[in-house]
Amino acid sequence: MKKILAIYLGVLISGCGSSESISSLITVKDQKIGIDTKNPDELLTVNGSVHAKEVRVDLDGALAPDYVFDQYNGAATHPNYSRMPIEELQAYVQKHGHLPGVPTHEALSSNGMDLKKFSLTLLEKIEELTLYLIEQQNQIKILQNTLEVTAQSPSFNSTEKSKDNSVEKIEN
């Protein structure tokens, strides 16, 4: 299959220009194909940009991060996952300068990015963010209800009236 791919690439590219310059761009080494590299380290290594209309990454058994919602939905959580309380998350970000589980700029610069792993990590963070927002919205509703109840209580109204009188006295 690899030989067929190499031959196909060679034939395809040879129709695009002089065969001397094209053949110098393609390397086959240890059953790996390199384009503009002499040392391919994967089945296909391209030293340069790749333009595609679409890229599909097979997950091959990777666990989609729906486990983030397990505890929220009352299910048992994945054994290797726990969402940080927001206060701990804030402290982590202040100390480390990035989200937990997300590679740093330095790590990405030196090691590159595994598109599958990085996409799943980002999805996990989006799902966590969604839960933080849901919790925040629930807290806002509780506070709104507390304010409405407090505003309707007789002791609140008399306190407000005395404050209003104090403000009138100060203005006069």
C-alpha atoms as a PDB file:
ATOM      1  CA  MET A   1       0.000   0.000   0.000  1.00  0.00           C
ATOM      2  CA  LYS A   2       2.813   2.388   0.873  1.00  0.00           C
ATOM      3  CA  LYS A   3       4.573   1.634  -2.414  1.00  0.00           C
ATOM      4  CA  ILE A   4       1.341   2.237  -4.310  1.00  0.00           C
ATOM      5  CA  LEU A   5       0.904   5.568  -2.535  1.00  0.00           C
ATOM      6  CA  ALA A   6       4.503   6.554  -3.329  1.00  0.00           C
ATOM      7  CA  ILE A   7       4.080   5.612  -6.979  1.00  0.00           C
ATOM      8  CA  TYR A   8       0.742   7.429  -7.154  1.00  0.00           C
ATOM      9  CA  LEU A   9       2.250  10.559  -5.608  1.00  0.00           C
ATOM     10  CA  GLY A  10       5.182  10.369  -8.003  1.00  0.00           C
ATOM     11  CA  VAL A  11       2.956   9.986 -11.067  1.00  0.00           C
ATOM     12  CA  LEU A  12       0.569  12.661  -9.881  1.00  0.00           C
ATOM     13  CA  ILE A  13       3.293  15.149  -9.104  1.00  0.00           C
ATOM     14  CA  SER A  14       5.327  14.355 -12.223  1.00  0.00           C
ATOM     15  CA  GLY A  15       2.467  15.624 -14.316  1.00  0.00           C
ATOM     16  CA  CYS A  16       2.721  18.977 -12.545  1.00  0.00           C
ATOM     17  CA  GLY A  17       6.225  20.013 -13.603  1.00  0.00           C
ATOM     18  CA  SER A  18       9.708  18.836 -14.350  1.00  0.00           C
ATOM     19  CA  SER A  19      10.344  15.361 -13.001  1.00  0.00           C
ATOM     20  CA  GLU A  20      13.842  16.264 -11.803  1.00  0.00           C
ATOM     21  CA  SER A  21      12.616  18.867  -9.311  1.00  0.00           C
ATOM     22  CA  ILE A  22       9.643  16.739  -8.243  1.00  0.00           C
ATOM     23  CA  SER A  23      11.677  13.592  -7.677  1.00  0.00           C
ATOM     24  CA  SER A  24      14.094  15.500  -5.484  1.00  0.00           C
ATOM     25  CA  LEU A  25      11.178  16.495  -3.233  1.00  0.00           C
ATOM     26  CA  ILE A  26       9.985  12.925  -2.553  1.00  0.00           C
ATOM     27  CA  THR A  27      11.903  10.541  -0.304  1.00  0.00           C
ATOM     28  CA  VAL A  28      11.001   6.979   0.582  1.00  0.00           C
ATOM     29  CA  LYS A  29      12.908   5.723   3.606  1.00  0.00           C
ATOM     30  CA  ASP A  30      12.098   2.769   5.873  1.00  0.00           C
ATOM     31  CA  GLN A  31       8.688   2.440   4.162  1.00  0.00           C
ATOM     32  CA  LYS A  32       7.888   6.068   5.027  1.00  0.00           C
ATOM     33  CA  ILE A  33       7.233   8.783   2.468  1.00  0.00           C
ATOM     34  CA  GLY A  34       8.680  12.252   2.848  1.00  0.00           C
ATOM     35  CA  ILE A  35       7.844  15.330   0.838  1.00  0.00           C
ATOM     36  CA  ASP A  36      10.573  17.968   0.987  1.00  0.00           C
ATOM     37  CA  THR A  37      12.331  16.054   3.751  1.00  0.00           C
ATOM     38  CA  LYS A  38      15.070  13.447   3.642  1.00  0.00           C
ATOM     39  CA  ASN A  39      14.077  11.892   6.974  1.00  0.00           C
ATOM     40  CA  PRO A  40      10.351  11.066   7.116  1.00  0.00           C
ATOM     41  CA  ASP A  41       9.371  10.031  10.638  1.00  0.00           C
ATOM     42  CA  GLU A  42       5.777   8.985   9.927  1.00  0.00           C
ATOM     43  CA  LEU A  43       4.066   7.128   7.086  1.00  0.00           C
ATOM     44  CA  LEU A  44       3.760  10.498   5.355  1.00  0.00           C
ATOM     45  CA  THR A  45       5.865  13.439   6.477  1.00  0.00           C
ATOM     46  CA  VAL A  46       5.468  16.795   4.785  1.00  0.00           C
ATOM     47  CA  ASN A  47       7.966  19.564   5.439  1.00  0.00           C
ATOM     48  CA  GLY A  48       5.692  22.465   4.595  1.00  0.00           C
ATOM     49  CA  SER A  49       2.057  23.407   4.458  1.00  0.00           C
ATOM     50  CA  VAL A  50      -0.694  21.031   3.457  1.00  0.00           C
ATOM     51  CA  HIS A  51      -3.790  22.449   1.794  1.00  0.00           C
ATOM     52  CA  ALA A  52      -6.905  20.350   2.068  1.00  0.00           C
ATOM     53  CA  LYS A  53     -10.594  20.918   1.681  1.00  0.00           C
ATOM     54  CA  GLU A  54     -11.259  18.684   4.681  1.00  0.00           C
ATOM     55  CA  VAL A  55      -9.262  16.667   7.201  1.00  0.00           C
ATOM     56  CA  ARG A  56     -10.742  13.677   8.973  1.00  0.00           C
ATOM     57  CA  VAL A  57      -9.013  12.236  12.011  1.00  0.00           C
ATOM     58  CA  ASP A  58     -10.029   8.729  13.055  1.00  0.00           C
ATOM     59  CA  LEU A  59     -10.386   8.492  16.818  1.00  0.00           C
ATOM     60  CA  ASP A  60      -9.655   4.741  16.893  1.00  0.00           C
ATOM     61  CA  GLY A  61     -10.898   3.977  20.383  1.00  0.00           C
ATOM     62  CA  ALA A  62     -10.192   7.409  21.846  1.00  0.00           C
ATOM     63  CA  LEU A  63     -12.610   8.340  24.586  1.00  0.00           C
ATOM     64  CA  ALA A  64     -14.729  11.357  23.692  1.00  0.00           C
ATOM     65  CA  PRO A  65     -14.960  13.619  26.757  1.00  0.00           C
ATOM     66  CA  ASP A  66     -18.669  13.099  27.422  1.00  0.00           C
ATOM     67  CA  TYR A  67     -17.498  11.765  30.794  1.00  0.00           C
ATOM     68  CA  VAL A  68     -17.359  15.433  31.855  1.00  0.00           C
ATOM     69  CA  PHE A  69     -21.164  15.372  32.098  1.00  0.00           C
ATOM     70  CA  ASP A  70     -21.425  12.059  33.986  1.00  0.00           C
ATOM     71  CA  GLN A  71     -21.464  13.508  37.500  1.00  0.00           C
ATOM     72  CA  TYR A  72     -23.778  16.340  36.399  1.00  0.00           C
ATOM     73  CA  ASN A  73     -26.213  13.739  35.066  1.00  0.00           C
ATOM     74  CA  GLY A  74     -25.972  11.639  38.226  1.00  0.00           C
ATOM     75  CA  ALA A  75     -23.796   8.906  36.726  1.00  0.00           C
ATOM     76  CA  ALA A  76     -20.496   7.619  38.047  1.00  0.00           C
ATOM     77  CA  THR A  77     -17.601   9.645  36.698  1.00  0.00           C
ATOM     78  CA  HIS A  78     -14.756   8.254  34.641  1.00  0.00           C
ATOM     79  CA  PRO A  79     -12.086   6.925  37.051  1.00  0.00           C
ATOM     80  CA  ASN A  80      -9.324   9.145  35.619  1.00  0.00           C
ATOM     81  CA  TYR A  81     -11.344  12.370  35.570  1.00  0.00           C
ATOM     82  CA  SER A  82     -12.391  14.966  38.080  1.00  0.00           C
ATOM     83  CA  ARG A  83     -13.330  18.551  37.359  1.00  0.00           C
ATOM     84  CA  MET A  84     -11.591  21.127  39.509  1.00  0.00           C
ATOM     85  CA  PRO A  85     -13.664  23.457  41.642  1.00  0.00           C
ATOM     86  CA  ILE A  86     -13.529  26.907  40.078  1.00  0.00           C
ATOM     87  CA  GLU A  87     -11.355  28.280  42.910  1.00  0.00           C
ATOM     88  CA  GLU A  88      -8.735  25.560  42.350  1.00  0.00           C
ATOM     89  CA  LEU A  89      -8.883  26.174  38.604  1.00  0.00           C
ATOM     90  CA  GLN A  90      -8.270  29.872  39.156  1.00  0.00           C
ATOM     91  CA  ALA A  91      -5.269  29.128  41.388  1.00  0.00           C
ATOM     92  CA  TYR A  92      -3.886  26.635  38.830  1.00  0.00           C
ATOM     93  CA  VAL A  93      -4.161  29.135  35.975  1.00  0.00           C
ATOM     94  CA  GLN A  94      -2.550  31.872  38.075  1.00  0.00           C
ATOM     95  CA  LYS A  95       0.335  29.591  39.021  1.00  0.00           C
ATOM     96  CA  HIS A  96       0.920  27.782  35.699  1.00  0.00           C
ATOM     97  CA  GLY A  97      -0.419  30.219  33.096  1.00  0.00           C
ATOM     98  CA  HIS A  98      -2.466  27.597  31.228  1.00  0.00           C
ATOM     99  CA  LEU A  99      -5.398  25.249  31.737  1.00  0.00           C
ATOM    100  CA  PRO A 100      -4.737  21.867  33.354  1.00  0.00           C
ATOM    101  CA  GLY A 101      -4.266  19.160  30.759  1.00  0.00           C
ATOM    102  CA  VAL A 102      -3.587  21.667  27.975  1.00  0.00           C
ATOM    103  CA  PRO A 103       0.004  21.739  26.723  1.00  0.00           C
ATOM    104  CA  THR A 104       1.987  24.918  27.251  1.00  0.00           C
ATOM    105  CA  HIS A 105       3.246  27.105  24.424  1.00  0.00           C
ATOM    106  CA  GLU A 106       6.730  25.724  25.012  1.00  0.00           C
ATOM    107  CA  ALA A 107       5.543  22.114  24.837  1.00  0.00           C
ATOM    108  CA  LEU A 108       3.604  22.774  21.636  1.00  0.00           C
ATOM    109  CA  SER A 109       6.558  24.607  20.102  1.00  0.00           C
ATOM    110  CA  SER A 110       9.027  21.827  20.858  1.00  0.00           C
ATOM    111  CA  ASN A 111       6.811  18.741  20.417  1.00  0.00           C
ATOM    112  CA  GLY A 112       4.199  19.867  17.922  1.00  0.00           C
ATOM    113  CA  MET A 113       0.549  19.033  18.329  1.00  0.00           C
ATOM    114  CA  ASP A 114      -1.248  15.718  18.171  1.00  0.00           C
ATOM    115  CA  LEU A 115      -4.405  16.926  16.451  1.00  0.00           C
ATOM    116  CA  LYS A 116      -6.609  14.119  17.798  1.00  0.00           C
ATOM    117  CA  LYS A 117      -5.469  14.491  21.410  1.00  0.00           C
ATOM    118  CA  PHE A 118      -5.536  18.290  21.306  1.00  0.00           C
ATOM    119  CA  SER A 119      -9.039  18.385  19.792  1.00  0.00           C
ATOM    120  CA  LEU A 120     -10.354  16.032  22.474  1.00  0.00           C
ATOM    121  CA  THR A 121      -8.670  18.098  25.201  1.00  0.00           C
ATOM    122  CA  LEU A 122     -10.266  21.281  23.847  1.00  0.00           C
ATOM    123  CA  LEU A 123     -13.652  19.565  23.731  1.00  0.00           C
ATOM    124  CA  GLU A 124     -13.176  18.482  27.356  1.00  0.00           C
ATOM    125  CA  LYS A 125     -12.420  22.096  28.342  1.00  0.00           C
ATOM    126  CA  ILE A 126     -15.467  23.377  26.434  1.00  0.00           C
ATOM    127  CA  GLU A 127     -17.671  20.840  28.208  1.00  0.00           C
ATOM    128  CA  GLU A 128     -16.184  21.844  31.578  1.00  0.00           C
ATOM    129  CA  LEU A 129     -16.798  25.500  30.728  1.00  0.00           C
ATOM    130  CA  THR A 130     -20.403  24.625  29.924  1.00  0.00           C
ATOM    131  CA  LEU A 131     -20.829  23.063  33.365  1.00  0.00           C
ATOM    132  CA  TYR A 132     -19.228  26.074  35.078  1.00  0.00           C
ATOM    133  CA  LEU A 133     -21.680  28.331  33.194  1.00  0.00           C
ATOM    134  CA  ILE A 134     -24.672  26.178  34.138  1.00  0.00           C
ATOM    135  CA  GLU A 135     -23.601  26.282  37.796  1.00  0.00           C
ATOM    136  CA  GLN A 136     -23.076  30.040  37.586  1.00  0.00           C
ATOM    137  CA  GLN A 137     -26.511  30.540  36.027  1.00  0.00           C
ATOM    138  CA  ASN A 138     -28.085  28.484  38.823  1.00  0.00           C
ATOM    139  CA  GLN A 139     -26.319  30.666  41.408  1.00  0.00           C
ATOM    140  CA  ILE A 140     -27.570  33.812  39.662  1.00  0.00           C
ATOM    141  CA  LYS A 141     -31.160  32.497  39.770  1.00  0.00           C
ATOM    142  CA  ILE A 142     -30.844  31.743  43.487  1.00  0.00           C
ATOM    143  CA  LEU A 143     -29.503  35.255  44.136  1.00  0.00           C
ATOM    144  CA  GLN A 144     -32.280  36.816  42.048  1.00  0.00           C
ATOM    145  CA  ASN A 145     -34.925  34.867  43.949  1.00  0.00           C
ATOM    146  CA  THR A 146     -33.336  35.874  47.264  1.00  0.00           C
ATOM    147  CA  LEU A 147     -33.379  39.531  46.208  1.00  0.00           C
ATOM    148  CA  GLU A 148     -37.014  39.323  45.132  1.00  0.00           C
ATOM    149  CA  VAL A 149     -38.040  37.718  48.424  1.00  0.00           C
ATOM    150  CA  THR A 150     -35.998  40.245  50.395  1.00  0.00           C
ATOM    151  CA  ALA A 151     -37.477  43.152  48.418  1.00  0.00           C
ATOM    152  CA  GLN A 152     -40.987  41.931  49.212  1.00  0.00           C
ATOM    153  CA  SER A 153     -40.387  41.483  52.940  1.00  0.00           C
ATOM    154  CA  PRO A 154     -41.905  44.189  55.213  1.00  0.00           C
ATOM    155  CA  SER A 155     -38.679  44.745  57.152  1.00  0.00           C
ATOM    156  CA  PHE A 156     -36.811  45.420  53.883  1.00  0.00           C
ATOM    157  CA  ASN A 157     -39.398  48.006  52.807  1.00  0.00           C
ATOM    158  CA  SER A 158     -39.222  49.937  56.103  1.00  0.00           C
ATOM    159  CA  THR A 159     -35.435  49.891  55.983  1.00  0.00           C
ATOM    160  CA  GLU A 160     -35.529  51.215  52.426  1.00  0.00           C
ATOM    161  CA  LYS A 161     -37.932  53.986  53.459  1.00  0.00           C
ATOM    162  CA  SER A 162     -35.631  55.094  56.278  1.00  0.00           C
ATOM    163  CA  LYS A 163     -32.700  55.099  53.850  1.00  0.00           C
ATOM    164  CA  ASP A 164     -34.737  57.204  51.420  1.00  0.00           C
ATOM    165  CA  ASN A 165     -35.541  59.689  54.236  1.00  0.00           C
ATOM    166  CA  SER A 166     -31.855  59.894  55.124  1.00  0.00           C
ATOM    167  CA  VAL A 167     -30.980  60.615  51.511  1.00  0.00           C
ATOM    168  CA  GLU A 168     -33.656  63.358  51.386  1.00  0.00           C
ATOM    169  CA  LYS A 169     -32.264  64.960  54.542  1.00  0.00           C
ATOM    170  CA  ILE A 170     -28.750  64.929  53.095  1.00  0.00           C
ATOM    171  CA  GLU A 171     -29.941  66.430  49.795  1.00  0.00           C
ATOM    172  CA  ASN A 172     -31.840  69.236  51.612  1.00  0.00           C
END
